Amino acid sequence: QVKLVESGGGLVQAGGSLRLSCAVSGLTFSRPAIGWFRQDPGKEREFVVAVSWSALATSYADSVKGRFTISRDNGKNMVYLQMNSLKPEDTALYYCAAQLRGSSLARRVDDYEYWGQGTQVTVSS
């Protein structure tokens, strides 16, 4: 059974940091790329960052470059998102998702086959 579970969200002041985690199960043999997306109520889900299975390739949205860092530990089936210098506009529900098809890191929601339930990040000003 495929499962992605996010954790680590919370309330933080602007300029602070949070580390999100994504526990992935049921997909080891598929070697999925993992992406993080975020969504505010009333807005479309937007791409944040993705990492390949090998972790040799990453892709970041311009809005988070230099502040967010993605990493993964395949031995533990975990993917992490370190978020520094957080801004109020980073407030959203953050999702991790698995991309099984394609040779390059995808940025579209439709290119990801499995999703977690999300973890809320709230940045106060």
PDB file of N, CA and C in Angstrom:
ATOM      1  N   GLN A   1       0.843  -1.192   0.000  1.00  0.00           N
ATOM      2  CA  GLN A   1       0.000   0.000   0.000  1.00  0.00           C
ATOM      3  C   GLN A   1       0.881   1.246   0.000  1.00  0.00           C
ATOM      4  N   VAL A   2       0.608   2.150  -0.938  1.00  0.00           N
ATOM      5  CA  VAL A   2       1.372   3.379  -1.048  1.00  0.00           C
ATOM      6  C   VAL A   2       0.875   4.390  -0.022  1.00  0.00           C
ATOM      7  N   LYS A   3       1.838   4.998   0.653  1.00  0.00           N
ATOM      8  CA  LYS A   3       1.470   5.999   1.638  1.00  0.00           C
ATOM      9  C   LYS A   3       2.548   7.061   1.729  1.00  0.00           C
ATOM     10  N   LEU A   4       2.145   8.318   1.765  1.00  0.00           N
ATOM     11  CA  LEU A   4       3.040   9.438   2.015  1.00  0.00           C
ATOM     12  C   LEU A   4       2.449  10.214   3.189  1.00  0.00           C
ATOM     13  N   VAL A   5       3.274  10.461   4.196  1.00  0.00           N
ATOM     14  CA  VAL A   5       2.802  11.142   5.395  1.00  0.00           C
ATOM     15  C   VAL A   5       3.737  12.296   5.716  1.00  0.00           C
ATOM     16  N   GLU A   6       3.175  13.507   5.705  1.00  0.00           N
ATOM     17  CA  GLU A   6       3.948  14.695   6.037  1.00  0.00           C
ATOM     18  C   GLU A   6       3.875  14.988   7.536  1.00  0.00           C
ATOM     19  N   SER A   7       4.933  15.618   8.018  1.00  0.00           N
ATOM     20  CA  SER A   7       4.948  16.077   9.409  1.00  0.00           C
ATOM     21  C   SER A   7       5.913  17.246   9.523  1.00  0.00           C
ATOM     22  N   GLY A   8       5.851  17.927  10.668  1.00  0.00           N
ATOM     23  CA  GLY A   8       6.799  18.997  10.931  1.00  0.00           C
ATOM     24  C   GLY A   8       6.258  20.400  10.758  1.00  0.00           C
ATOM     25  N   GLY A   9       5.040  20.531  10.301  1.00  0.00           N
ATOM     26  CA  GLY A   9       4.470  21.861  10.154  1.00  0.00           C
ATOM     27  C   GLY A   9       4.214  22.516  11.495  1.00  0.00           C
ATOM     28  N   GLY A  10       3.876  23.791  11.445  1.00  0.00           N
ATOM     29  CA  GLY A  10       3.588  24.507  12.682  1.00  0.00           C
ATOM     30  C   GLY A  10       3.523  25.991  12.463  1.00  0.00           C
ATOM     31  N   LEU A  11       3.529  26.714  13.579  1.00  0.00           N
ATOM     32  CA  LEU A  11       3.478  28.172  13.561  1.00  0.00           C
ATOM     33  C   LEU A  11       4.866  28.707  13.882  1.00  0.00           C
ATOM     34  N   VAL A  12       5.338  29.632  13.056  1.00  0.00           N
ATOM     35  CA  VAL A  12       6.670  30.186  13.252  1.00  0.00           C
ATOM     36  C   VAL A  12       6.633  31.664  12.877  1.00  0.00           C
ATOM     37  N   GLN A  13       7.496  32.440  13.501  1.00  0.00           N
ATOM     38  CA  GLN A  13       7.578  33.861  13.160  1.00  0.00           C
ATOM     39  C   GLN A  13       8.374  34.058  11.876  1.00  0.00           C
ATOM     40  N   ALA A  14       8.115  35.151  11.217  1.00  0.00           N
ATOM     41  CA  ALA A  14       8.861  35.484  10.010  1.00  0.00           C
ATOM     42  C   ALA A  14      10.357  35.504  10.319  1.00  0.00           C
ATOM     43  N   GLY A  15      11.135  34.924   9.405  1.00  0.00           N
ATOM     44  CA  GLY A  15      12.567  34.808   9.619  1.00  0.00           C
ATOM     45  C   GLY A  15      12.983  33.506  10.263  1.00  0.00           C
ATOM     46  N   GLY A  16      12.017  32.760  10.769  1.00  0.00           N
ATOM     47  CA  GLY A  16      12.297  31.502  11.437  1.00  0.00           C
ATOM     48  C   GLY A  16      12.449  30.348  10.469  1.00  0.00           C
ATOM     49  N   SER A  17      12.593  29.156  11.046  1.00  0.00           N
ATOM     50  CA  SER A  17      12.836  27.954  10.253  1.00  0.00           C
ATOM     51  C   SER A  17      11.909  26.820  10.685  1.00  0.00           C
ATOM     52  N   LEU A  18      11.643  25.945   9.747  1.00  0.00           N
ATOM     53  CA  LEU A  18      10.920  24.704  10.006  1.00  0.00           C
ATOM     54  C   LEU A  18      11.519  23.616   9.136  1.00  0.00           C
ATOM     55  N   ARG A  19      11.411  22.380   9.605  1.00  0.00           N
ATOM     56  CA  ARG A  19      11.847  21.240   8.807  1.00  0.00           C
ATOM     57  C   ARG A  19      10.665  20.298   8.643  1.00  0.00           C
ATOM     58  N   LEU A  20      10.239  20.143   7.400  1.00  0.00           N
ATOM     59  CA  LEU A  20       9.158  19.216   7.105  1.00  0.00           C
ATOM     60  C   LEU A  20       9.736  17.852   6.742  1.00  0.00           C
ATOM     61  N   SER A  21       8.987  16.811   7.079  1.00  0.00           N
ATOM     62  CA  SER A  21       9.391  15.455   6.735  1.00  0.00           C
ATOM     63  C   SER A  21       8.276  14.776   5.949  1.00  0.00           C
ATOM     64  N   CYS A  22       8.679  13.891   5.068  1.00  0.00           N
ATOM     65  CA  CYS A  22       7.725  13.103   4.292  1.00  0.00           C
ATOM     66  C   CYS A  22       8.152  11.643   4.386  1.00  0.00           C
ATOM     67  N   ALA A  23       7.341  10.828   5.029  1.00  0.00           N
ATOM     68  CA  ALA A  23       7.606   9.399   5.134  1.00  0.00           C
ATOM     69  C   ALA A  23       6.921   8.693   3.980  1.00  0.00           C
ATOM     70  N   VAL A  24       7.714   7.957   3.200  1.00  0.00           N
ATOM     71  CA  VAL A  24       7.208   7.302   1.994  1.00  0.00           C
ATOM     72  C   VAL A  24       7.230   5.790   2.195  1.00  0.00           C
ATOM     73  N   SER A  25       6.136   5.132   1.913  1.00  0.00           N
ATOM     74  CA  SER A  25       6.104   3.678   2.019  1.00  0.00           C
ATOM     75  C   SER A  25       5.380   3.090   0.815  1.00  0.00           C
ATOM     76  N   GLY A  26       5.757   1.869   0.470  1.00  0.00           N
ATOM     77  CA  GLY A  26       5.094   1.161  -0.617  1.00  0.00           C
ATOM     78  C   GLY A  26       5.592   1.495  -2.006  1.00  0.00           C
ATOM     79  N   LEU A  27       6.687   2.276  -2.101  1.00  0.00           N
ATOM     80  CA  LEU A  27       7.155   2.721  -3.419  1.00  0.00           C
ATOM     81  C   LEU A  27       8.634   2.478  -3.654  1.00  0.00           C
ATOM     82  N   THR A  28       9.277   1.726  -2.790  1.00  0.00           N
ATOM     83  CA  THR A  28      10.735   1.592  -2.859  1.00  0.00           C
ATOM     84  C   THR A  28      11.204   1.123  -4.229  1.00  0.00           C
ATOM     85  N   PHE A  29      10.566   0.117  -4.781  1.00  0.00           N
ATOM     86  CA  PHE A  29      11.017  -0.454  -6.043  1.00  0.00           C
ATOM     87  C   PHE A  29      10.699   0.441  -7.239  1.00  0.00           C
ATOM     88  N   SER A  30       9.835   1.432  -7.043  1.00  0.00           N
ATOM     89  CA  SER A  30       9.492   2.345  -8.126  1.00  0.00           C
ATOM     90  C   SER A  30      10.487   3.483  -8.257  1.00  0.00           C
ATOM     91  N   ARG A  31      11.318   3.684  -7.245  1.00  0.00           N
ATOM     92  CA  ARG A  31      12.331   4.749  -7.248  1.00  0.00           C
ATOM     93  C   ARG A  31      11.736   6.102  -7.623  1.00  0.00           C
ATOM     94  N   PRO A  32      10.779   6.583  -6.872  1.00  0.00           N
ATOM     95  CA  PRO A  32      10.088   7.801  -7.266  1.00  0.00           C
ATOM     96  C   PRO A  32      10.890   9.066  -6.983  1.00  0.00           C
ATOM     97  N   ALA A  33      10.704  10.062  -7.832  1.00  0.00           N
ATOM     98  CA  ALA A  33      11.085  11.416  -7.457  1.00  0.00           C
ATOM     99  C   ALA A  33      10.023  11.913  -6.478  1.00  0.00           C
ATOM    100  N   ILE A  34      10.418  12.792  -5.586  1.00  0.00           N
ATOM    101  CA  ILE A  34       9.483  13.327  -4.603  1.00  0.00           C
ATOM    102  C   ILE A  34       9.444  14.845  -4.730  1.00  0.00           C
ATOM    103  N   GLY A  35       8.251  15.367  -4.745  1.00  0.00           N
ATOM    104  CA  GLY A  35       8.080  16.810  -4.815  1.00  0.00           C
ATOM    105  C   GLY A  35       7.319  17.328  -3.621  1.00  0.00           C
ATOM    106  N   TRP A  36       7.534  18.601  -3.332  1.00  0.00           N
ATOM    107  CA  TRP A  36       6.740  19.320  -2.336  1.00  0.00           C
ATOM    108  C   TRP A  36       5.933  20.395  -3.065  1.00  0.00           C
ATOM    109  N   PHE A  37       4.686  20.470  -2.693  1.00  0.00           N
ATOM    110  CA  PHE A  37       3.778  21.490  -3.201  1.00  0.00           C
ATOM    111  C   PHE A  37       3.136  22.194  -2.016  1.00  0.00           C
ATOM    112  N   ARG A  38       2.539  23.330  -2.277  1.00  0.00           N
ATOM    113  CA  ARG A  38       1.820  24.028  -1.215  1.00  0.00           C
ATOM    114  C   ARG A  38       0.564  24.664  -1.788  1.00  0.00           C
ATOM    115  N   GLN A  39      -0.390  24.869  -0.891  1.00  0.00           N
ATOM    116  CA  GLN A  39      -1.669  25.419  -1.332  1.00  0.00           C
ATOM    117  C   GLN A  39      -2.290  26.255  -0.232  1.00  0.00           C
ATOM    118  N   ASP A  40      -2.676  27.457  -0.620  1.00  0.00           N
ATOM    119  CA  ASP A  40      -3.443  28.339   0.245  1.00  0.00           C
ATOM    120  C   ASP A  40      -4.912  28.166  -0.097  1.00  0.00           C
ATOM    121  N   PRO A  41      -5.814  28.348   0.861  1.00  0.00           N
ATOM    122  CA  PRO A  41      -7.238  28.254   0.527  1.00  0.00           C
ATOM    123  C   PRO A  41      -7.617  29.224  -0.589  1.00  0.00           C
ATOM    124  N   GLY A  42      -8.346  28.746  -1.560  1.00  0.00           N
ATOM    125  CA  GLY A  42      -8.790  29.591  -2.656  1.00  0.00           C
ATOM    126  C   GLY A  42      -7.770  29.761  -3.764  1.00  0.00           C
ATOM    127  N   LYS A  43      -6.598  29.158  -3.584  1.00  0.00           N
ATOM    128  CA  LYS A  43      -5.563  29.258  -4.611  1.00  0.00           C
ATOM    129  C   LYS A  43      -5.229  27.882  -5.169  1.00  0.00           C
ATOM    130  N   GLU A  44      -4.557  27.882  -6.292  1.00  0.00           N
ATOM    131  CA  GLU A  44      -4.144  26.616  -6.879  1.00  0.00           C
ATOM    132  C   GLU A  44      -2.934  26.060  -6.133  1.00  0.00           C
ATOM    133  N   ARG A  45      -2.810  24.736  -6.182  1.00  0.00           N
ATOM    134  CA  ARG A  45      -1.653  24.099  -5.587  1.00  0.00           C
ATOM    135  C   ARG A  45      -0.420  24.453  -6.421  1.00  0.00           C
ATOM    136  N   GLU A  46       0.645  24.888  -5.759  1.00  0.00           N
ATOM    137  CA  GLU A  46       1.818  25.320  -6.494  1.00  0.00           C
ATOM    138  C   GLU A  46       3.049  24.495  -6.140  1.00  0.00           C
ATOM    139  N   PHE A  47       3.897  24.337  -7.122  1.00  0.00           N
ATOM    140  CA  PHE A  47       5.140  23.596  -6.973  1.00  0.00           C
ATOM    141  C   PHE A  47       6.118  24.366  -6.090  1.00  0.00           C
ATOM    142  N   VAL A  48       6.823  23.625  -5.224  1.00  0.00           N
ATOM    143  CA  VAL A  48       7.839  24.228  -4.370  1.00  0.00           C
ATOM    144  C   VAL A  48       9.226  23.706  -4.727  1.00  0.00           C
ATOM    145  N   VAL A  49       9.377  22.388  -4.698  1.00  0.00           N
ATOM    146  CA  VAL A  49      10.692  21.793  -4.926  1.00  0.00           C
ATOM    147  C   VAL A  49      10.517  20.309  -5.188  1.00  0.00           C
ATOM    148  N   ALA A  50      11.479  19.714  -5.907  1.00  0.00           N
ATOM    149  CA  ALA A  50      11.455  18.277  -6.151  1.00  0.00           C
ATOM    150  C   ALA A  50      12.879  17.737  -6.119  1.00  0.00           C
ATOM    151  N   VAL A  51      12.986  16.437  -5.825  1.00  0.00           N
ATOM    152  CA  VAL A  51      14.277  15.768  -5.786  1.00  0.00           C
ATOM    153  C   VAL A  51      14.156  14.415  -6.455  1.00  0.00           C
ATOM    154  N   SER A  52      15.180  14.047  -7.215  1.00  0.00           N
ATOM    155  CA  SER A  52      15.180  12.747  -7.876  1.00  0.00           C
ATOM    156  C   SER A  52      15.456  11.639  -6.872  1.00  0.00           C
ATOM    157  N   TRP A  53      15.266  10.396  -7.315  1.00  0.00           N
ATOM    158  CA  TRP A  53      15.506   9.253  -6.433  1.00  0.00           C
ATOM    159  C   TRP A  53      16.938   9.250  -5.906  1.00  0.00           C
ATOM    160  N   SER A  54      17.881   9.555  -6.797  1.00  0.00           N
ATOM    161  CA  SER A  54      19.292   9.533  -6.420  1.00  0.00           C
ATOM    162  C   SER A  54      19.708  10.757  -5.616  1.00  0.00           C
ATOM    163  N   ALA A  55      18.843  11.771  -5.597  1.00  0.00           N
ATOM    164  CA  ALA A  55      19.137  13.062  -4.964  1.00  0.00           C
ATOM    165  C   ALA A  55      20.179  13.859  -5.725  1.00  0.00           C
ATOM    166  N   LEU A  56      20.554  13.410  -6.902  1.00  0.00           N
ATOM    167  CA  LEU A  56      21.529  14.152  -7.701  1.00  0.00           C
ATOM    168  C   LEU A  56      20.881  15.324  -8.424  1.00  0.00           C
ATOM    169  N   ALA A  57      19.588  15.261  -8.614  1.00  0.00           N
ATOM    170  CA  ALA A  57      18.879  16.335  -9.304  1.00  0.00           C
ATOM    171  C   ALA A  57      17.832  16.944  -8.379  1.00  0.00           C
ATOM    172  N   THR A  58      17.782  18.272  -8.377  1.00  0.00           N
ATOM    173  CA  THR A  58      16.755  18.995  -7.634  1.00  0.00           C
ATOM    174  C   THR A  58      16.210  20.114  -8.507  1.00  0.00           C
ATOM    175  N   SER A  59      15.023  20.547  -8.169  1.00  0.00           N
ATOM    176  CA  SER A  59      14.388  21.631  -8.897  1.00  0.00           C
ATOM    177  C   SER A  59      13.626  22.476  -7.899  1.00  0.00           C
ATOM    178  N   TYR A  60      13.884  23.786  -7.898  1.00  0.00           N
ATOM    179  CA  TYR A  60      13.280  24.685  -6.928  1.00  0.00           C
ATOM    180  C   TYR A  60      12.453  25.761  -7.623  1.00  0.00           C
ATOM    181  N   ALA A  61      11.341  26.107  -7.030  1.00  0.00           N
ATOM    182  CA  ALA A  61      10.609  27.279  -7.486  1.00  0.00           C
ATOM    183  C   ALA A  61      11.437  28.520  -7.162  1.00  0.00           C
ATOM    184  N   ASP A  62      11.353  29.529  -7.997  1.00  0.00           N
ATOM    185  CA  ASP A  62      12.140  30.742  -7.785  1.00  0.00           C
ATOM    186  C   ASP A  62      11.847  31.384  -6.434  1.00  0.00           C
ATOM    187  N   SER A  63      10.620  31.252  -5.988  1.00  0.00           N
ATOM    188  CA  SER A  63      10.211  31.915  -4.746  1.00  0.00           C
ATOM    189  C   SER A  63      10.880  31.344  -3.500  1.00  0.00           C
ATOM    190  N   VAL A  64      11.457  30.150  -3.605  1.00  0.00           N
ATOM    191  CA  VAL A  64      12.069  29.524  -2.426  1.00  0.00           C
ATOM    192  C   VAL A  64      13.560  29.268  -2.590  1.00  0.00           C
ATOM    193  N   LYS A  65      14.097  29.563  -3.747  1.00  0.00           N
ATOM    194  CA  LYS A  65      15.530  29.329  -3.986  1.00  0.00           C
ATOM    195  C   LYS A  65      16.365  30.100  -2.980  1.00  0.00           C
ATOM    196  N   GLY A  66      17.355  29.419  -2.438  1.00  0.00           N
ATOM    197  CA  GLY A  66      18.236  30.050  -1.465  1.00  0.00           C
ATOM    198  C   GLY A  66      17.700  30.022  -0.049  1.00  0.00           C
ATOM    199  N   ARG A  67      16.439  29.653   0.122  1.00  0.00           N
ATOM    200  CA  ARG A  67      15.848  29.597   1.473  1.00  0.00           C
ATOM    201  C   ARG A  67      15.451  28.181   1.863  1.00  0.00           C
ATOM    202  N   PHE A  68      14.988  27.396   0.906  1.00  0.00           N
ATOM    203  CA  PHE A  68      14.540  26.028   1.157  1.00  0.00           C
ATOM    204  C   PHE A  68      15.561  25.049   0.604  1.00  0.00           C
ATOM    205  N   THR A  69      15.695  23.909   1.283  1.00  0.00           N
ATOM    206  CA  THR A  69      16.592  22.856   0.822  1.00  0.00           C
ATOM    207  C   THR A  69      15.902  21.509   0.971  1.00  0.00           C
ATOM    208  N   ILE A  70      15.888  20.751  -0.108  1.00  0.00           N
ATOM    209  CA  ILE A  70      15.291  19.415  -0.072  1.00  0.00           C
ATOM    210  C   ILE A  70      16.396  18.377   0.033  1.00  0.00           C
ATOM    211  N   SER A  71      16.109  17.310   0.754  1.00  0.00           N
ATOM    212  CA  SER A  71      17.056  16.195   0.863  1.00  0.00           C
ATOM    213  C   SER A  71      16.253  14.911   1.064  1.00  0.00           C
ATOM    214  N   ARG A  72      16.928  13.792   0.902  1.00  0.00           N
ATOM    215  CA  ARG A  72      16.234  12.524   1.100  1.00  0.00           C
ATOM    216  C   ARG A  72      17.193  11.478   1.652  1.00  0.00           C
ATOM    217  N   ASP A  73      16.632  10.546   2.385  1.00  0.00           N
ATOM    218  CA  ASP A  73      17.369   9.416   2.932  1.00  0.00           C
ATOM    219  C   ASP A  73      16.601   8.165   2.514  1.00  0.00           C
ATOM    220  N   ASN A  74      17.027   7.531   1.436  1.00  0.00           N
ATOM    221  CA  ASN A  74      16.287   6.380   0.912  1.00  0.00           C
ATOM    222  C   ASN A  74      16.356   5.178   1.850  1.00  0.00           C
ATOM    223  N   GLY A  75      17.406   5.122   2.635  1.00  0.00           N
ATOM    224  CA  GLY A  75      17.503   4.031   3.609  1.00  0.00           C
ATOM    225  C   GLY A  75      16.397   4.092   4.648  1.00  0.00           C
ATOM    226  N   LYS A  76      15.941   5.315   4.936  1.00  0.00           N
ATOM    227  CA  LYS A  76      14.864   5.514   5.904  1.00  0.00           C
ATOM    228  C   LYS A  76      13.538   5.819   5.215  1.00  0.00           C
ATOM    229  N   ASN A  77      13.544   5.858   3.876  1.00  0.00           N
ATOM    230  CA  ASN A  77      12.327   6.204   3.119  1.00  0.00           C
ATOM    231  C   ASN A  77      11.773   7.558   3.546  1.00  0.00           C
ATOM    232  N   MET A  78      12.651   8.511   3.697  1.00  0.00           N
ATOM    233  CA  MET A  78      12.267   9.848   4.155  1.00  0.00           C
ATOM    234  C   MET A  78      12.764  10.919   3.197  1.00  0.00           C
ATOM    235  N   VAL A  79      11.969  11.960   3.059  1.00  0.00           N
ATOM    236  CA  VAL A  79      12.347  13.159   2.318  1.00  0.00           C
ATOM    237  C   VAL A  79      12.120  14.340   3.248  1.00  0.00           C
ATOM    238  N   TYR A  80      13.063  15.278   3.229  1.00  0.00           N
ATOM    239  CA  TYR A  80      13.008  16.407   4.140  1.00  0.00           C
ATOM    240  C   TYR A  80      12.982  17.721   3.369  1.00  0.00           C
ATOM    241  N   LEU A  81      12.323  18.706   3.960  1.00  0.00           N
ATOM    242  CA  LEU A  81      12.324  20.047   3.397  1.00  0.00           C
ATOM    243  C   LEU A  81      12.709  21.007   4.509  1.00  0.00           C
ATOM    244  N   GLN A  82      13.936  21.504   4.430  1.00  0.00           N
ATOM    245  CA  GLN A  82      14.409  22.499   5.381  1.00  0.00           C
ATOM    246  C   GLN A  82      14.014  23.876   4.861  1.00  0.00           C
ATOM    247  N   MET A  83      13.260  24.601   5.668  1.00  0.00           N
ATOM    248  CA  MET A  83      12.764  25.915   5.254  1.00  0.00           C
ATOM    249  C   MET A  83      13.329  26.965   6.197  1.00  0.00           C
ATOM    250  N   ASN A  84      14.143  27.848   5.645  1.00  0.00           N
ATOM    251  CA  ASN A  84      14.763  28.927   6.419  1.00  0.00           C
ATOM    252  C   ASN A  84      14.257  30.277   5.933  1.00  0.00           C
ATOM    253  N   SER A  85      14.491  31.294   6.737  1.00  0.00           N
ATOM    254  CA  SER A  85      14.087  32.659   6.376  1.00  0.00           C
ATOM    255  C   SER A  85      12.637  32.698   5.920  1.00  0.00           C
ATOM    256  N   LEU A  86      11.790  32.083   6.683  1.00  0.00           N
ATOM    257  CA  LEU A  86      10.386  31.980   6.288  1.00  0.00           C
ATOM    258  C   LEU A  86       9.705  33.335   6.257  1.00  0.00           C
ATOM    259  N   LYS A  87       8.778  33.473   5.320  1.00  0.00           N
ATOM    260  CA  LYS A  87       8.037  34.709   5.122  1.00  0.00           C
ATOM    261  C   LYS A  87       6.539  34.426   5.302  1.00  0.00           C
ATOM    262  N   PRO A  88       5.752  35.427   5.625  1.00  0.00           N
ATOM    263  CA  PRO A  88       4.307  35.208   5.742  1.00  0.00           C
ATOM    264  C   PRO A  88       3.694  34.599   4.478  1.00  0.00           C
ATOM    265  N   GLU A  89       4.241  34.938   3.335  1.00  0.00           N
ATOM    266  CA  GLU A  89       3.695  34.383   2.093  1.00  0.00           C
ATOM    267  C   GLU A  89       4.021  32.908   1.893  1.00  0.00           C
ATOM    268  N   ASP A  90       4.838  32.331   2.769  1.00  0.00           N
ATOM    269  CA  ASP A  90       5.078  30.886   2.730  1.00  0.00           C
ATOM    270  C   ASP A  90       3.974  30.110   3.442  1.00  0.00           C
ATOM    271  N   THR A  91       3.079  30.815   4.091  1.00  0.00           N
ATOM    272  CA  THR A  91       1.976  30.165   4.799  1.00  0.00           C
ATOM    273  C   THR A  91       1.116  29.378   3.817  1.00  0.00           C
ATOM    274  N   ALA A  92       0.927  28.098   4.101  1.00  0.00           N
ATOM    275  CA  ALA A  92       0.143  27.229   3.227  1.00  0.00           C
ATOM    276  C   ALA A  92       0.087  25.829   3.824  1.00  0.00           C
ATOM    277  N   LEU A  93      -0.723  25.007   3.209  1.00  0.00           N
ATOM    278  CA  LEU A  93      -0.718  23.575   3.501  1.00  0.00           C
ATOM    279  C   LEU A  93       0.297  22.941   2.553  1.00  0.00           C
ATOM    280  N   TYR A  94       1.276  22.251   3.127  1.00  0.00           N
ATOM    281  CA  TYR A  94       2.360  21.683   2.336  1.00  0.00           C
ATOM    282  C   TYR A  94       2.142  20.184   2.137  1.00  0.00           C
ATOM    283  N   TYR A  95       2.263  19.760   0.878  1.00  0.00           N
ATOM    284  CA  TYR A  95       2.061  18.364   0.509  1.00  0.00           C
ATOM    285  C   TYR A  95       3.350  17.778  -0.080  1.00  0.00           C
ATOM    286  N   CYS A  96       3.626  16.521   0.198  1.00  0.00           N
ATOM    287  CA  CYS A  96       4.642  15.813  -0.565  1.00  0.00           C
ATOM    288  C   CYS A  96       3.932  14.854  -1.517  1.00  0.00           C
ATOM    289  N   ALA A  97       4.579  14.580  -2.631  1.00  0.00           N
ATOM    290  CA  ALA A  97       3.967  13.765  -3.674  1.00  0.00           C
ATOM    291  C   ALA A  97       5.040  12.961  -4.384  1.00  0.00           C
ATOM    292  N   ALA A  98       4.642  11.831  -4.955  1.00  0.00           N
ATOM    293  CA  ALA A  98       5.565  10.931  -5.635  1.00  0.00           C
ATOM    294  C   ALA A  98       5.342  10.962  -7.136  1.00  0.00           C
ATOM    295  N   GLN A  99       6.446  11.132  -7.860  1.00  0.00           N
ATOM    296  CA  GLN A  99       6.427  11.096  -9.319  1.00  0.00           C
ATOM    297  C   GLN A  99       7.075   9.794  -9.766  1.00  0.00           C
ATOM    298  N   LEU A 100       6.308   8.938 -10.426  1.00  0.00           N
ATOM    299  CA  LEU A 100       6.836   7.644 -10.851  1.00  0.00           C
ATOM    300  C   LEU A 100       7.243   7.624 -12.319  1.00  0.00           C
ATOM    301  N   ARG A 101       6.627   8.465 -13.134  1.00  0.00           N
ATOM    302  CA  ARG A 101       6.899   8.427 -14.572  1.00  0.00           C
ATOM    303  C   ARG A 101       7.707   9.652 -14.985  1.00  0.00           C
ATOM    304  N   GLY A 102       8.385   9.517 -16.105  1.00  0.00           N
ATOM    305  CA  GLY A 102       9.134  10.651 -16.641  1.00  0.00           C
ATOM    306  C   GLY A 102      10.576  10.625 -16.195  1.00  0.00           C
ATOM    307  N   SER A 103      11.440  11.175 -17.038  1.00  0.00           N
ATOM    308  CA  SER A 103      12.873  11.162 -16.755  1.00  0.00           C
ATOM    309  C   SER A 103      13.365  12.460 -16.139  1.00  0.00           C
ATOM    310  N   SER A 104      12.531  13.476 -16.137  1.00  0.00           N
ATOM    311  CA  SER A 104      12.947  14.747 -15.534  1.00  0.00           C
ATOM    312  C   SER A 104      11.987  15.106 -14.407  1.00  0.00           C
ATOM    313  N   LEU A 105      12.436  15.972 -13.520  1.00  0.00           N
ATOM    314  CA  LEU A 105      11.618  16.362 -12.379  1.00  0.00           C
ATOM    315  C   LEU A 105      10.447  17.214 -12.839  1.00  0.00           C
ATOM    316  N   ALA A 106       9.267  16.796 -12.441  1.00  0.00           N
ATOM    317  CA  ALA A 106       8.058  17.478 -12.881  1.00  0.00           C
ATOM    318  C   ALA A 106       7.685  18.612 -11.936  1.00  0.00           C
ATOM    319  N   ARG A 107       6.972  19.596 -12.468  1.00  0.00           N
ATOM    320  CA  ARG A 107       6.484  20.714 -11.665  1.00  0.00           C
ATOM    321  C   ARG A 107       4.953  20.813 -11.687  1.00  0.00           C
ATOM    322  N   ARG A 108       4.323  19.994 -12.476  1.00  0.00           N
ATOM    323  CA  ARG A 108       2.873  20.044 -12.588  1.00  0.00           C
ATOM    324  C   ARG A 108       2.236  19.060 -11.617  1.00  0.00           C
ATOM    325  N   VAL A 109       1.136  19.459 -11.032  1.00  0.00           N
ATOM    326  CA  VAL A 109       0.398  18.606 -10.107  1.00  0.00           C
ATOM    327  C   VAL A 109       0.020  17.288 -10.772  1.00  0.00           C
ATOM    328  N   ASP A 110      -0.390  17.345 -12.020  1.00  0.00           N
ATOM    329  CA  ASP A 110      -0.879  16.152 -12.727  1.00  0.00           C
ATOM    330  C   ASP A 110       0.207  15.115 -12.984  1.00  0.00           C
ATOM    331  N   ASP A 111       1.464  15.498 -12.834  1.00  0.00           N
ATOM    332  CA  ASP A 111       2.559  14.562 -13.090  1.00  0.00           C
ATOM    333  C   ASP A 111       2.920  13.733 -11.867  1.00  0.00           C
ATOM    334  N   TYR A 112       2.227  13.968 -10.761  1.00  0.00           N
ATOM    335  CA  TYR A 112       2.497  13.229  -9.532  1.00  0.00           C
ATOM    336  C   TYR A 112       1.351  12.276  -9.240  1.00  0.00           C
ATOM    337  N   GLU A 113       1.699  11.034  -8.973  1.00  0.00           N
ATOM    338  CA  GLU A 113       0.683   9.989  -8.865  1.00  0.00           C
ATOM    339  C   GLU A 113       0.147   9.789  -7.447  1.00  0.00           C
ATOM    340  N   TYR A 114       0.969  10.022  -6.452  1.00  0.00           N
ATOM    341  CA  TYR A 114       0.543   9.774  -5.076  1.00  0.00           C
ATOM    342  C   TYR A 114       0.828  11.002  -4.220  1.00  0.00           C
ATOM    343  N   TRP A 115      -0.075  11.263  -3.288  1.00  0.00           N
ATOM    344  CA  TRP A 115      -0.009  12.470  -2.460  1.00  0.00           C
ATOM    345  C   TRP A 115      -0.241  12.135  -0.993  1.00  0.00           C
ATOM    346  N   GLY A 116       0.395  12.950  -0.150  1.00  0.00           N
ATOM    347  CA  GLY A 116       0.094  12.885   1.269  1.00  0.00           C
ATOM    348  C   GLY A 116      -1.092  13.771   1.594  1.00  0.00           C
ATOM    349  N   GLN A 117      -1.400  13.851   2.881  1.00  0.00           N
ATOM    350  CA  GLN A 117      -2.558  14.625   3.335  1.00  0.00           C
ATOM    351  C   GLN A 117      -2.212  16.073   3.655  1.00  0.00           C
ATOM    352  N   GLY A 118      -0.943  16.369   3.763  1.00  0.00           N
ATOM    353  CA  GLY A 118      -0.531  17.755   3.980  1.00  0.00           C
ATOM    354  C   GLY A 118      -0.215  18.074   5.435  1.00  0.00           C
ATOM    355  N   THR A 119       0.640  19.075   5.613  1.00  0.00           N
ATOM    356  CA  THR A 119       0.961  19.602   6.936  1.00  0.00           C
ATOM    357  C   THR A 119       0.943  21.120   6.842  1.00  0.00           C
ATOM    358  N   GLN A 120       0.314  21.762   7.822  1.00  0.00           N
ATOM    359  CA  GLN A 120       0.116  23.205   7.771  1.00  0.00           C
ATOM    360  C   GLN A 120       1.342  23.953   8.266  1.00  0.00           C
ATOM    361  N   VAL A 121       1.734  24.942   7.485  1.00  0.00           N
ATOM    362  CA  VAL A 121       2.800  25.865   7.871  1.00  0.00           C
ATOM    363  C   VAL A 121       2.201  27.263   7.931  1.00  0.00           C
ATOM    364  N   THR A 122       2.354  27.898   9.072  1.00  0.00           N
ATOM    365  CA  THR A 122       1.850  29.252   9.246  1.00  0.00           C
ATOM    366  C   THR A 122       2.987  30.143   9.716  1.00  0.00           C
ATOM    367  N   VAL A 123       3.240  31.208   8.954  1.00  0.00           N
ATOM    368  CA  VAL A 123       4.318  32.138   9.276  1.00  0.00           C
ATOM    369  C   VAL A 123       3.693  33.473   9.650  1.00  0.00           C
ATOM    370  N   SER A 124       3.933  33.898  10.882  1.00  0.00           N
ATOM    371  CA  SER A 124       3.353  35.158  11.352  1.00  0.00           C
ATOM    372  C   SER A 124       4.329  36.304  11.114  1.00  0.00           C
ATOM    373  N   SER A 125       3.772  37.467  10.873  1.00  0.00           N
ATOM    374  CA  SER A 125       4.612  38.637  10.596  1.00  0.00           C
ATOM    375  C   SER A 125       4.958  39.387  11.868  1.00  0.00           C
TER     376      SER A 125
END
